[in-house]
Amino acid sequence: MPGVPNTTDFTLADVIAAVLPSSNDLNECFTDAIQGAFNYTYNPGGNQNTNLLNFRDYGNDIAYQNPVQINTGRNPGEACGGPRNIAAWKGRNPNSVQNGDKFWQDSSGSPGNPYPGVSTTVYAAFSGLNSVSFNLSSVGIASNVTFCSLPSLTLTDVYWYDTSTQNFSTPVDYYYSSTIGNASNLAAGDIIYTDAALTTPLLPISTNQEKRGNIYRFRQNGSSATTTYSPLNTGCGNGAPARFGNDGDSPGVLQFIHDAYC
């Protein structure tokens, strides 16, 4: 993959050869360029600039390109399940794939030409919670990035008691790290989130939410499912609710979690 010369007399053709945009004009070059590939001495505004000279020295710093191992399959399951045995390079984060990331072929241990993605092929990279499948365009741009296995598990049908209305809230699902396993393994110190991507820790819902001391309390009825903390029969009657709490000062962190009291 050629970079743009570190001079002031390069041409749009040099930029097109480095970026390989979806159409051969300057605006599209800025749209398709990899943010980290700019030399910020000449382009402090990144993709927001529109001057050809902002591309000076673009793509010549190997630090923004990272070696990775990928593999292919006919579908996401096949790609995710195969060994990562194809050397390639990618831009941005070296440990994850996002839509819009760019891949290059490996050329004797260095980035070569953009990876020639095939529309009927699914690609995969990384392992564990970072393992993802994705498509690649003919110029190596990733799309349809999907986790091979979700980084989270679901804590189903959690609700709370409203002291102002003396009613229970509508049950909703929350999430926690899949490294914990079944919900029955949850313990004080674990973190509960409101989204499956585990980016937003759970906070108290309302000032009218039931609490003891400074700890806001949540409930979840017991069941035989792996998504509930308590088993179906805790000795307090089938489905008696487990309780857990958070004080709001440590977002999402369980201060306690226990089976129903009888």
Protein backbone atom coordinates (compact mmCIF):
# COMPACT_ATOMS: atom_id res chain seq x y z
CA MET A 1 0.00 0.00 0.00
CA PRO A 2 1.77 3.18 -1.10
CA GLY A 3 1.69 6.24 1.10
CA VAL A 4 1.41 9.83 -0.06
CA PRO A 5 4.83 11.45 -0.57
CA ASN A 6 6.07 13.78 2.18
CA THR A 7 6.36 16.66 -0.27
CA THR A 8 4.19 19.54 -1.46
CA ASP A 9 4.04 18.52 -5.13
CA PHE A 10 2.07 15.25 -4.88
CA THR A 11 -1.13 14.88 -6.88
CA LEU A 12 -4.67 13.65 -6.35
CA ALA A 13 -3.57 10.44 -8.08
CA ASP A 14 -1.07 9.82 -5.25
CA VAL A 15 -3.86 10.23 -2.70
CA ILE A 16 -6.22 7.93 -4.61
CA ALA A 17 -3.51 5.25 -4.78
CA ALA A 18 -3.04 5.45 -0.99
CA VAL A 19 -6.70 5.66 0.07
CA LEU A 20 -8.42 3.64 -2.68
CA PRO A 21 -11.69 5.58 -2.26
CA SER A 22 -15.03 4.38 -3.57
CA SER A 23 -14.93 7.21 -6.13
CA ASN A 24 -11.90 9.05 -7.40
CA ASP A 25 -12.46 12.55 -6.03
CA LEU A 26 -10.94 14.47 -3.12
CA ASN A 27 -14.07 14.57 -0.96
CA GLU A 28 -14.43 10.80 -1.15
CA CYS A 29 -10.75 10.42 -0.29
CA PHE A 30 -11.39 12.28 2.97
CA THR A 31 -14.53 10.22 3.61
CA ASP A 32 -12.78 6.87 3.08
CA ALA A 33 -9.41 7.77 4.63
CA ILE A 34 -8.28 6.12 7.85
CA GLN A 35 -8.15 8.78 10.56
CA GLY A 36 -4.99 7.46 12.17
CA ALA A 37 -3.08 7.41 8.88
CA PHE A 38 -2.83 11.21 8.60
CA ASN A 39 0.33 13.04 9.59
CA TYR A 40 -1.20 15.54 12.00
CA THR A 41 1.61 18.01 11.40
CA TYR A 42 -0.01 18.61 8.02
CA ASN A 43 -3.57 17.69 8.86
CA PRO A 44 -4.63 18.63 12.42
CA GLY A 45 -8.29 18.38 11.44
CA GLY A 46 -8.22 14.75 10.27
CA ASN A 47 -11.08 13.80 7.95
CA GLN A 48 -12.73 17.21 8.45
CA ASN A 49 -10.29 19.06 6.18
CA THR A 50 -10.74 19.39 2.42
CA ASN A 51 -7.37 20.56 1.14
CA LEU A 52 -5.27 18.18 -0.95
CA LEU A 53 -2.14 19.16 1.00
CA ASN A 54 -3.73 17.77 4.18
CA PHE A 55 -2.87 14.34 2.74
CA ARG A 56 0.87 15.04 2.85
CA ASP A 57 2.69 11.97 4.25
CA TYR A 58 -0.61 10.08 4.63
CA GLY A 59 -0.22 6.35 5.23
CA ASN A 60 3.53 6.26 5.79
CA ASP A 61 3.45 5.55 9.54
CA ILE A 62 3.25 1.79 10.08
CA ALA A 63 2.24 2.42 13.70
CA TYR A 64 -1.40 2.88 12.71
CA GLN A 65 -1.43 -0.49 10.93
CA ASN A 66 -1.58 -3.64 13.03
CA PRO A 67 -0.80 -7.27 12.13
CA VAL A 68 -3.74 -9.64 12.68
CA GLN A 69 -4.68 -13.21 11.90
CA ILE A 70 -8.00 -13.80 10.12
CA ASN A 71 -9.83 -16.65 8.45
CA THR A 72 -12.73 -17.17 6.07
CA GLY A 73 -15.94 -19.16 5.87
CA ARG A 74 -19.13 -19.50 3.88
CA ASN A 75 -21.18 -18.12 6.76
CA PRO A 76 -20.55 -16.44 10.15
CA GLY A 77 -20.65 -19.74 12.06
CA GLU A 78 -18.06 -21.37 9.83
CA ALA A 79 -15.82 -18.31 9.91
CA CYS A 80 -16.08 -17.93 13.69
CA GLY A 81 -15.30 -21.62 14.25
CA GLY A 82 -12.21 -21.81 12.06
CA PRO A 83 -8.55 -21.25 12.99
CA ARG A 84 -7.18 -17.74 12.52
CA ASN A 85 -4.38 -18.63 10.09
CA ILE A 86 -4.30 -15.91 7.40
CA ALA A 87 -1.86 -13.06 8.01
CA ALA A 88 -3.28 -9.60 7.34
CA TRP A 89 -3.06 -6.03 8.58
CA LYS A 90 -5.75 -3.64 9.81
CA GLY A 91 -6.08 -0.03 10.86
CA ARG A 92 -7.19 1.43 14.19
CA ASN A 93 -7.66 -0.76 17.27
CA PRO A 94 -5.34 -3.81 17.10
CA ASN A 95 -7.64 -5.90 19.30
CA SER A 96 -11.09 -5.43 17.76
CA VAL A 97 -12.90 -4.90 14.46
CA GLN A 98 -15.38 -2.10 13.83
CA ASN A 99 -17.45 -1.27 10.78
CA GLY A 100 -15.29 0.91 8.52
CA ASP A 101 -11.95 -0.60 9.59
CA LYS A 102 -9.61 -1.23 6.68
CA PHE A 103 -7.65 -4.45 6.05
CA TRP A 104 -4.53 -5.00 3.96
CA GLN A 105 -2.88 -8.14 2.69
CA ASP A 106 0.38 -9.19 4.30
CA SER A 107 3.44 -8.59 2.16
CA SER A 108 6.48 -10.25 3.75
CA GLY A 109 5.55 -8.97 7.19
CA SER A 110 4.37 -5.52 6.10
CA PRO A 111 1.06 -4.09 4.85
CA GLY A 112 0.62 -4.73 1.15
CA ASN A 113 -2.37 -4.11 -1.09
CA PRO A 114 -5.85 -3.58 0.36
CA TYR A 115 -7.40 -6.93 1.23
CA PRO A 116 -9.56 -8.01 -1.74
CA GLY A 117 -12.76 -8.99 0.03
CA VAL A 118 -15.21 -11.33 -1.71
CA SER A 119 -18.94 -10.67 -1.32
CA THR A 120 -19.81 -14.34 -0.84
CA THR A 121 -17.18 -14.85 1.88
CA VAL A 122 -17.42 -14.12 5.61
CA TYR A 123 -14.25 -13.26 7.53
CA ALA A 124 -13.41 -13.64 11.21
CA ALA A 125 -10.72 -12.36 13.54
CA PHE A 126 -9.62 -12.54 17.19
CA SER A 127 -10.76 -14.95 19.87
CA GLY A 128 -12.75 -15.07 23.09
CA LEU A 129 -14.99 -12.08 23.77
CA ASN A 130 -13.30 -10.12 20.93
CA SER A 131 -14.04 -12.81 18.33
CA VAL A 132 -16.07 -11.32 15.45
CA SER A 133 -17.24 -12.13 11.96
CA PHE A 134 -17.49 -9.48 9.23
CA ASN A 135 -17.65 -8.82 5.51
CA LEU A 136 -14.90 -7.12 3.51
CA SER A 137 -15.38 -4.96 0.45
CA SER A 138 -13.18 -5.34 -2.62
CA VAL A 139 -10.86 -2.72 -1.11
CA GLY A 140 -10.76 -4.22 2.38
CA ILE A 141 -13.37 -2.16 4.25
CA ALA A 142 -15.11 -4.09 7.04
CA SER A 143 -18.91 -4.12 7.43
CA ASN A 144 -21.59 -6.19 9.18
CA VAL A 145 -19.31 -6.74 12.16
CA THR A 146 -20.96 -9.22 14.56
CA PHE A 147 -19.68 -10.84 17.75
CA CYS A 148 -19.12 -14.57 17.33
CA SER A 149 -20.43 -14.95 20.86
CA LEU A 150 -21.99 -12.12 22.79
CA PRO A 151 -19.74 -10.62 25.48
CA SER A 152 -22.75 -10.55 27.78
CA LEU A 153 -25.43 -12.73 29.30
CA THR A 154 -28.94 -11.66 30.22
CA LEU A 155 -30.38 -11.17 33.69
CA THR A 156 -34.07 -11.42 32.85
CA ASP A 157 -37.18 -9.71 34.19
CA VAL A 158 -35.69 -7.48 36.87
CA TYR A 159 -38.07 -5.09 38.64
CA TRP A 160 -38.24 -2.77 41.65
CA TYR A 161 -40.78 -1.54 44.19
CA ASP A 162 -42.02 2.06 43.90
CA THR A 163 -42.60 3.40 47.41
CA SER A 164 -44.68 6.34 46.14
CA THR A 165 -47.22 4.26 44.20
CA GLN A 166 -46.76 1.02 46.17
CA ASN A 167 -46.55 -0.83 42.86
CA PHE A 168 -43.87 -2.93 41.24
CA SER A 169 -42.24 -1.68 38.06
CA THR A 170 -42.53 -3.42 34.70
CA PRO A 171 -39.81 -6.12 34.53
CA VAL A 172 -36.91 -5.45 32.14
CA ASP A 173 -33.74 -7.32 31.16
CA TYR A 174 -30.25 -6.31 32.23
CA TYR A 175 -26.85 -7.76 31.32
CA TYR A 176 -23.54 -8.92 32.80
CA SER A 177 -20.23 -10.34 31.58
CA SER A 178 -20.45 -13.78 30.01
CA THR A 179 -17.25 -14.71 31.88
CA ILE A 180 -19.42 -15.05 35.01
CA GLY A 181 -21.53 -17.85 33.55
CA ASN A 182 -25.03 -18.59 34.85
CA ALA A 183 -26.80 -15.81 36.72
CA SER A 184 -26.64 -17.91 39.89
CA ASN A 185 -22.87 -17.17 39.94
CA LEU A 186 -23.38 -13.42 40.36
CA ALA A 187 -21.80 -12.01 43.51
CA ALA A 188 -21.13 -8.72 45.25
CA GLY A 189 -18.66 -6.71 43.19
CA ASP A 190 -19.95 -7.90 39.82
CA ILE A 191 -21.33 -5.23 37.47
CA ILE A 192 -24.81 -5.11 35.96
CA TYR A 193 -25.36 -3.19 32.71
CA THR A 194 -28.39 -1.86 30.86
CA ASP A 195 -27.09 -2.86 27.41
CA ALA A 196 -25.79 -6.09 25.88
CA ALA A 197 -22.54 -4.40 24.78
CA LEU A 198 -21.74 -3.76 28.45
CA THR A 199 -21.14 -0.04 28.02
CA THR A 200 -23.75 1.47 30.40
CA PRO A 201 -23.71 0.34 34.04
CA LEU A 202 -27.05 0.11 35.82
CA LEU A 203 -27.92 3.02 38.12
CA PRO A 204 -30.84 3.41 40.55
CA ILE A 205 -34.00 4.05 38.55
CA SER A 206 -35.91 6.47 40.78
CA THR A 207 -35.65 8.34 44.08
CA ASN A 208 -38.89 6.51 44.94
CA GLN A 209 -37.21 3.15 44.48
CA GLU A 210 -37.20 0.89 47.55
CA LYS A 211 -33.91 1.06 49.41
CA ARG A 212 -32.31 0.07 52.67
CA GLY A 213 -29.87 2.61 54.00
CA ASN A 214 -28.25 4.07 50.89
CA ILE A 215 -28.68 0.90 48.81
CA TYR A 216 -31.38 0.89 46.13
CA ARG A 217 -32.95 -2.54 45.77
CA PHE A 218 -33.91 -4.58 42.70
CA ARG A 219 -35.81 -7.87 42.55
CA GLN A 220 -35.94 -10.89 40.27
CA ASN A 221 -38.28 -13.83 40.66
CA GLY A 222 -36.69 -17.25 40.90
CA SER A 223 -36.93 -19.78 38.09
CA SER A 224 -35.19 -22.84 36.66
CA ALA A 225 -33.61 -20.70 33.90
CA THR A 226 -29.91 -19.87 33.82
CA THR A 227 -30.85 -16.18 33.47
CA THR A 228 -32.14 -15.90 37.07
CA TYR A 229 -30.11 -15.77 40.26
CA SER A 230 -32.44 -17.90 42.39
CA PRO A 231 -33.70 -21.40 41.61
CA LEU A 232 -37.40 -22.02 41.24
CA ASN A 233 -37.80 -23.13 44.84
CA THR A 234 -35.67 -21.34 47.44
CA GLY A 235 -37.63 -22.66 50.40
CA CYS A 236 -39.71 -19.50 50.38
CA GLY A 237 -42.18 -20.74 47.81
CA ASN A 238 -41.77 -21.26 44.08
CA GLY A 239 -40.49 -18.15 42.33
CA ALA A 240 -39.75 -16.15 45.48
CA PRO A 241 -37.67 -13.13 44.42
CA ALA A 242 -33.96 -12.67 44.80
CA ARG A 243 -32.79 -9.19 45.68
CA PHE A 244 -29.74 -7.17 44.73
CA GLY A 245 -28.72 -3.58 45.33
CA ASN A 246 -26.61 -0.67 44.12
CA ASP A 247 -25.91 2.64 45.87
CA GLY A 248 -25.47 4.75 42.71
CA ASP A 249 -21.98 5.88 43.73
CA SER A 250 -20.39 2.84 42.05
CA PRO A 251 -22.40 2.50 38.81
CA GLY A 252 -23.62 -1.03 38.20
CA VAL A 253 -21.59 -2.62 41.01
CA LEU A 254 -23.55 -5.09 43.12
CA GLN A 255 -23.32 -4.17 46.81
CA PHE A 256 -25.17 -7.40 47.61
CA ILE A 257 -27.20 -10.16 45.98
CA HIS A 258 -29.10 -12.90 47.79
CA ASP A 259 -32.01 -15.33 47.60
CA ALA A 260 -35.38 -14.48 49.04
CA TYR A 261 -35.67 -14.06 52.79
CA CYS A 262 -38.42 -16.15 54.39
